[in-house]
Each structure stands twice: as C-alpha cells, then as structure tokens.
Amino acid sequence: MKTLLNTHSFTVRPSDCDPLGHMNVARYLDGCSDAGFNLQSAWTLTPQDIRDGRKLAFVVVNANSNFIRELHIGETVNIRSELLKIGGKSCQVCHHFMKGETEVFNSTFTLVLMNLQSRSAEPIPDDLRTAMQKAHA
C-alpha cells in the first residue's frame, strides 16, 4: 500500500498561528481531521453514508505526530494520506503535510471502525476493505 492520496489542502491564516508566530498545534490536528474525512470518502464512507447509511466511521484511537518544519501565514499545505495497514477492526494511516515537495509534518493515526449506533468497534466489511486497498493500489 504505497499510493498517497491528496486528501486536503489549505493556506495558513493569521488565526491558525500562535504567539510564537507559527501554525498552532490545533490547526495541524484540524488538517488531519479534514483529511481523514476526505480519506474515508475515498474509501466509500461518505458523510451521507456515515450519517444516514451504514452508520459506520473510522475514529482515531492513537496519534503519533512529527513536527518537521514550522508553517507560517500565507503558506499553502497539501495533505497526502497513506494507508499503512489494515487489521480486523482497525487500520493505520499516515497524513503527510507537504509544502511543495517538502514534508513539514506527519502524523500516523490508528483508527478503529466504530458502529455509530452501538458506539463499539466493528469488523471492517469485505467491500470496505476492498475499497480501501483499491484506493491505495
């Protein structure tokens, strides 16, 4: 699973920055969240399907982040997301924040497929697993 999908982009705004003059930690996680929902859509779990259909969604249970280079007001960030592995009820993805071709941040998330009605982990259905693998082939 090597294909990185373009999952989100944004330009750093003044409100994204902290008193140190660089993008705040909260905005990095915001970007990961936006990329994560776009990634789920690429896997067939669209917001409508999550809310009104299957009522399944991947949720973050662990994150490991690496801050490589500061980001400042006006810089454009492209997020590329990578599926690292798929388990029975979980998967692992990495969101890479790119400024041009330079990686400035990455965060590896462990995700669990949650049934939104029972609020418990559920096995990844075969069709979803296939869609995930196909998106990253």
C-alpha atoms as a PDB file:
ATOM      1  CA  MET A   1       0.000   0.000   0.000  1.00  0.00           C
ATOM      2  CA  LYS A   2       2.077   2.849  -1.298  1.00  0.00           C
ATOM      3  CA  THR A   3      -0.261   5.238  -3.053  1.00  0.00           C
ATOM      4  CA  LEU A   4      -0.657   8.551  -1.256  1.00  0.00           C
ATOM      5  CA  LEU A   5      -3.995  10.244  -1.885  1.00  0.00           C
ATOM      6  CA  ASN A   6      -4.378  14.015  -1.986  1.00  0.00           C
ATOM      7  CA  THR A   7      -6.893  14.450   0.820  1.00  0.00           C
ATOM      8  CA  HIS A   8      -6.895  18.139   1.776  1.00  0.00           C
ATOM      9  CA  SER A   9      -5.186  21.480   1.198  1.00  0.00           C
ATOM     10  CA  PHE A  10      -5.295  24.843   2.930  1.00  0.00           C
ATOM     11  CA  THR A  11      -3.429  28.115   3.296  1.00  0.00           C
ATOM     12  CA  VAL A  12      -2.245  29.112   6.767  1.00  0.00           C
ATOM     13  CA  ARG A  13      -4.313  32.053   8.053  1.00  0.00           C
ATOM     14  CA  PRO A  14      -3.390  34.510  10.823  1.00  0.00           C
ATOM     15  CA  SER A  15      -5.976  32.824  13.080  1.00  0.00           C
ATOM     16  CA  ASP A  16      -4.115  29.496  12.600  1.00  0.00           C
ATOM     17  CA  CYS A  17      -0.979  30.889  14.264  1.00  0.00           C
ATOM     18  CA  ASP A  18       0.015  31.194  17.887  1.00  0.00           C
ATOM     19  CA  PRO A  19       2.046  33.881  19.733  1.00  0.00           C
ATOM     20  CA  LEU A  20       5.252  32.133  18.609  1.00  0.00           C
ATOM     21  CA  GLY A  21       4.446  33.160  15.020  1.00  0.00           C
ATOM     22  CA  HIS A  22       3.919  29.704  13.559  1.00  0.00           C
ATOM     23  CA  MET A  23       0.925  27.465  12.927  1.00  0.00           C
ATOM     24  CA  ASN A  24      -0.639  26.220  16.151  1.00  0.00           C
ATOM     25  CA  VAL A  25      -0.766  22.527  17.058  1.00  0.00           C
ATOM     26  CA  ALA A  26      -4.578  22.620  16.955  1.00  0.00           C
ATOM     27  CA  ARG A  27      -4.517  23.543  13.238  1.00  0.00           C
ATOM     28  CA  TYR A  28      -2.336  20.518  12.446  1.00  0.00           C
ATOM     29  CA  LEU A  29      -4.928  18.252  14.038  1.00  0.00           C
ATOM     30  CA  ASP A  30      -7.691  20.159  12.235  1.00  0.00           C
ATOM     31  CA  GLY A  31      -5.954  19.391   8.954  1.00  0.00           C
ATOM     32  CA  CYS A  32      -5.651  15.718   9.885  1.00  0.00           C
ATOM     33  CA  SER A  33      -9.360  15.616  10.715  1.00  0.00           C
ATOM     34  CA  ASP A  34     -10.332  17.199   7.385  1.00  0.00           C
ATOM     35  CA  ALA A  35      -8.003  14.844   5.510  1.00  0.00           C
ATOM     36  CA  GLY A  36      -9.384  11.882   7.450  1.00  0.00           C
ATOM     37  CA  PHE A  37     -12.981  12.515   6.417  1.00  0.00           C
ATOM     38  CA  ASN A  38     -11.910  13.013   2.796  1.00  0.00           C
ATOM     39  CA  LEU A  39      -9.941   9.762   3.020  1.00  0.00           C
ATOM     40  CA  GLN A  40     -12.997   7.919   4.332  1.00  0.00           C
ATOM     41  CA  SER A  41     -14.995   9.274   1.378  1.00  0.00           C
ATOM     42  CA  ALA A  42     -12.344   7.866  -0.974  1.00  0.00           C
ATOM     43  CA  TRP A  43     -12.943   4.531   0.750  1.00  0.00           C
ATOM     44  CA  THR A  44     -16.749   4.817   0.121  1.00  0.00           C
ATOM     45  CA  LEU A  45     -17.603   6.024   3.647  1.00  0.00           C
ATOM     46  CA  THR A  46     -19.072   9.365   2.584  1.00  0.00           C
ATOM     47  CA  PRO A  47     -20.529  11.771   5.171  1.00  0.00           C
ATOM     48  CA  GLN A  48     -24.030  10.820   3.989  1.00  0.00           C
ATOM     49  CA  ASP A  49     -23.271   7.099   4.330  1.00  0.00           C
ATOM     50  CA  ILE A  50     -21.768   7.703   7.771  1.00  0.00           C
ATOM     51  CA  ARG A  51     -24.848   9.648   8.949  1.00  0.00           C
ATOM     52  CA  ASP A  52     -27.735   8.052   7.077  1.00  0.00           C
ATOM     53  CA  GLY A  53     -26.470   4.767   5.620  1.00  0.00           C
ATOM     54  CA  ARG A  54     -24.153   2.290   7.256  1.00  0.00           C
ATOM     55  CA  LYS A  55     -23.630   4.454  10.330  1.00  0.00           C
ATOM     56  CA  LEU A  56     -20.006   3.358  10.431  1.00  0.00           C
ATOM     57  CA  ALA A  57     -16.949   5.600  10.694  1.00  0.00           C
ATOM     58  CA  PHE A  58     -13.275   5.284  11.454  1.00  0.00           C
ATOM     59  CA  VAL A  59     -12.318   7.017  14.699  1.00  0.00           C
ATOM     60  CA  VAL A  60      -8.859   7.897  15.999  1.00  0.00           C
ATOM     61  CA  VAL A  61      -7.637   5.900  18.988  1.00  0.00           C
ATOM     62  CA  ASN A  62      -3.954   6.849  18.773  1.00  0.00           C
ATOM     63  CA  ALA A  63      -1.865   9.517  17.045  1.00  0.00           C
ATOM     64  CA  ASN A  64       1.894   9.860  16.734  1.00  0.00           C
ATOM     65  CA  SER A  65       2.970  13.190  15.247  1.00  0.00           C
ATOM     66  CA  ASN A  66       6.247  14.577  13.922  1.00  0.00           C
ATOM     67  CA  PHE A  67       6.732  18.335  13.563  1.00  0.00           C
ATOM     68  CA  ILE A  68       9.468  18.718  10.969  1.00  0.00           C
ATOM     69  CA  ARG A  69       9.353  22.386   9.921  1.00  0.00           C
ATOM     70  CA  GLU A  70       7.360  25.432  11.009  1.00  0.00           C
ATOM     71  CA  LEU A  71       4.495  26.754   8.913  1.00  0.00           C
ATOM     72  CA  HIS A  72       3.702  30.468   8.675  1.00  0.00           C
ATOM     73  CA  ILE A  73       0.907  32.757   7.477  1.00  0.00           C
ATOM     74  CA  GLY A  74       0.281  32.505   3.744  1.00  0.00           C
ATOM     75  CA  GLU A  75       1.967  29.140   3.209  1.00  0.00           C
ATOM     76  CA  THR A  76      -0.065  26.526   1.340  1.00  0.00           C
ATOM     77  CA  VAL A  77      -0.177  22.980   2.653  1.00  0.00           C
ATOM     78  CA  ASN A  78      -1.196  19.887   0.722  1.00  0.00           C
ATOM     79  CA  ILE A  79      -2.040  16.795   2.752  1.00  0.00           C
ATOM     80  CA  ARG A  80      -1.356  13.384   1.257  1.00  0.00           C
ATOM     81  CA  SER A  81      -2.674  10.383   3.118  1.00  0.00           C
ATOM     82  CA  GLU A  82      -1.326   6.858   3.082  1.00  0.00           C
ATOM     83  CA  LEU A  83      -2.891   3.594   4.225  1.00  0.00           C
ATOM     84  CA  LEU A  84      -0.174   1.713   6.108  1.00  0.00           C
ATOM     85  CA  LYS A  85      -2.050  -1.428   7.194  1.00  0.00           C
ATOM     86  CA  ILE A  86      -5.482  -2.919   7.697  1.00  0.00           C
ATOM     87  CA  GLY A  87      -6.433  -5.196  10.578  1.00  0.00           C
ATOM     88  CA  GLY A  88      -9.697  -6.880  11.550  1.00  0.00           C
ATOM     89  CA  LYS A  89     -11.391  -3.825  13.100  1.00  0.00           C
ATOM     90  CA  SER A  90      -8.698  -1.200  12.655  1.00  0.00           C
ATOM     91  CA  CYS A  91      -6.259   0.363  10.249  1.00  0.00           C
ATOM     92  CA  GLN A  92      -3.288   2.677  10.365  1.00  0.00           C
ATOM     93  CA  VAL A  93      -2.881   5.757   8.164  1.00  0.00           C
ATOM     94  CA  CYS A  94      -0.295   8.492   7.880  1.00  0.00           C
ATOM     95  CA  HIS A  95      -1.165  12.072   6.922  1.00  0.00           C
ATOM     96  CA  HIS A  96       1.802  13.861   5.313  1.00  0.00           C
ATOM     97  CA  PHE A  97       1.697  17.695   5.263  1.00  0.00           C
ATOM     98  CA  MET A  98       3.588  18.924   2.235  1.00  0.00           C
ATOM     99  CA  LYS A  99       4.791  22.425   1.353  1.00  0.00           C
ATOM    100  CA  GLY A 100       5.633  21.870  -2.274  1.00  0.00           C
ATOM    101  CA  GLU A 101       7.645  18.656  -2.302  1.00  0.00           C
ATOM    102  CA  THR A 102       8.931  19.165   1.250  1.00  0.00           C
ATOM    103  CA  GLU A 103       7.305  17.267   4.097  1.00  0.00           C
ATOM    104  CA  VAL A 104       6.787  19.604   7.066  1.00  0.00           C
ATOM    105  CA  PHE A 105       4.685  17.383   9.363  1.00  0.00           C
ATOM    106  CA  ASN A 106       3.276  13.896   9.533  1.00  0.00           C
ATOM    107  CA  SER A 107       1.000  12.052  11.870  1.00  0.00           C
ATOM    108  CA  THR A 108       0.304   8.346  12.000  1.00  0.00           C
ATOM    109  CA  PHE A 109      -3.174   7.508  13.224  1.00  0.00           C
ATOM    110  CA  THR A 110      -4.509   4.194  14.435  1.00  0.00           C
ATOM    111  CA  LEU A 111      -8.191   4.118  13.502  1.00  0.00           C
ATOM    112  CA  VAL A 112     -10.946   1.778  14.660  1.00  0.00           C
ATOM    113  CA  LEU A 113     -14.137   1.229  12.678  1.00  0.00           C
ATOM    114  CA  MET A 114     -16.931   2.283  15.010  1.00  0.00           C
ATOM    115  CA  ASN A 115     -20.609   1.449  14.765  1.00  0.00           C
ATOM    116  CA  LEU A 116     -22.196   4.822  15.473  1.00  0.00           C
ATOM    117  CA  GLN A 117     -25.334   3.276  16.973  1.00  0.00           C
ATOM    118  CA  SER A 118     -23.736   0.828  19.408  1.00  0.00           C
ATOM    119  CA  ARG A 119     -20.598   3.005  19.830  1.00  0.00           C
ATOM    120  CA  SER A 120     -18.438  -0.106  19.640  1.00  0.00           C
ATOM    121  CA  ALA A 121     -15.734  -1.393  17.317  1.00  0.00           C
ATOM    122  CA  GLU A 122     -16.892  -3.460  14.376  1.00  0.00           C
ATOM    123  CA  PRO A 123     -15.075  -5.706  11.881  1.00  0.00           C
ATOM    124  CA  ILE A 124     -14.212  -3.979   8.606  1.00  0.00           C
ATOM    125  CA  PRO A 125     -16.661  -5.344   5.989  1.00  0.00           C
ATOM    126  CA  ASP A 126     -15.083  -7.030   2.971  1.00  0.00           C
ATOM    127  CA  ASP A 127     -16.409  -4.436   0.492  1.00  0.00           C
ATOM    128  CA  LEU A 128     -14.950  -1.592   2.557  1.00  0.00           C
ATOM    129  CA  ARG A 129     -11.611  -3.413   2.928  1.00  0.00           C
ATOM    130  CA  THR A 130     -11.524  -3.886  -0.855  1.00  0.00           C
ATOM    131  CA  ALA A 131     -12.311  -0.191  -1.461  1.00  0.00           C
ATOM    132  CA  MET A 132      -9.537   0.824   0.954  1.00  0.00           C
ATOM    133  CA  GLN A 133      -6.997  -1.426  -0.758  1.00  0.00           C
ATOM    134  CA  LYS A 134      -8.080  -0.314  -4.242  1.00  0.00           C
ATOM    135  CA  ALA A 135      -7.777   3.394  -3.349  1.00  0.00           C
ATOM    136  CA  HIS A 136      -4.144   2.876  -2.364  1.00  0.00           C
ATOM    137  CA  ALA A 137      -3.091   0.321  -5.006  1.00  0.00           C
END
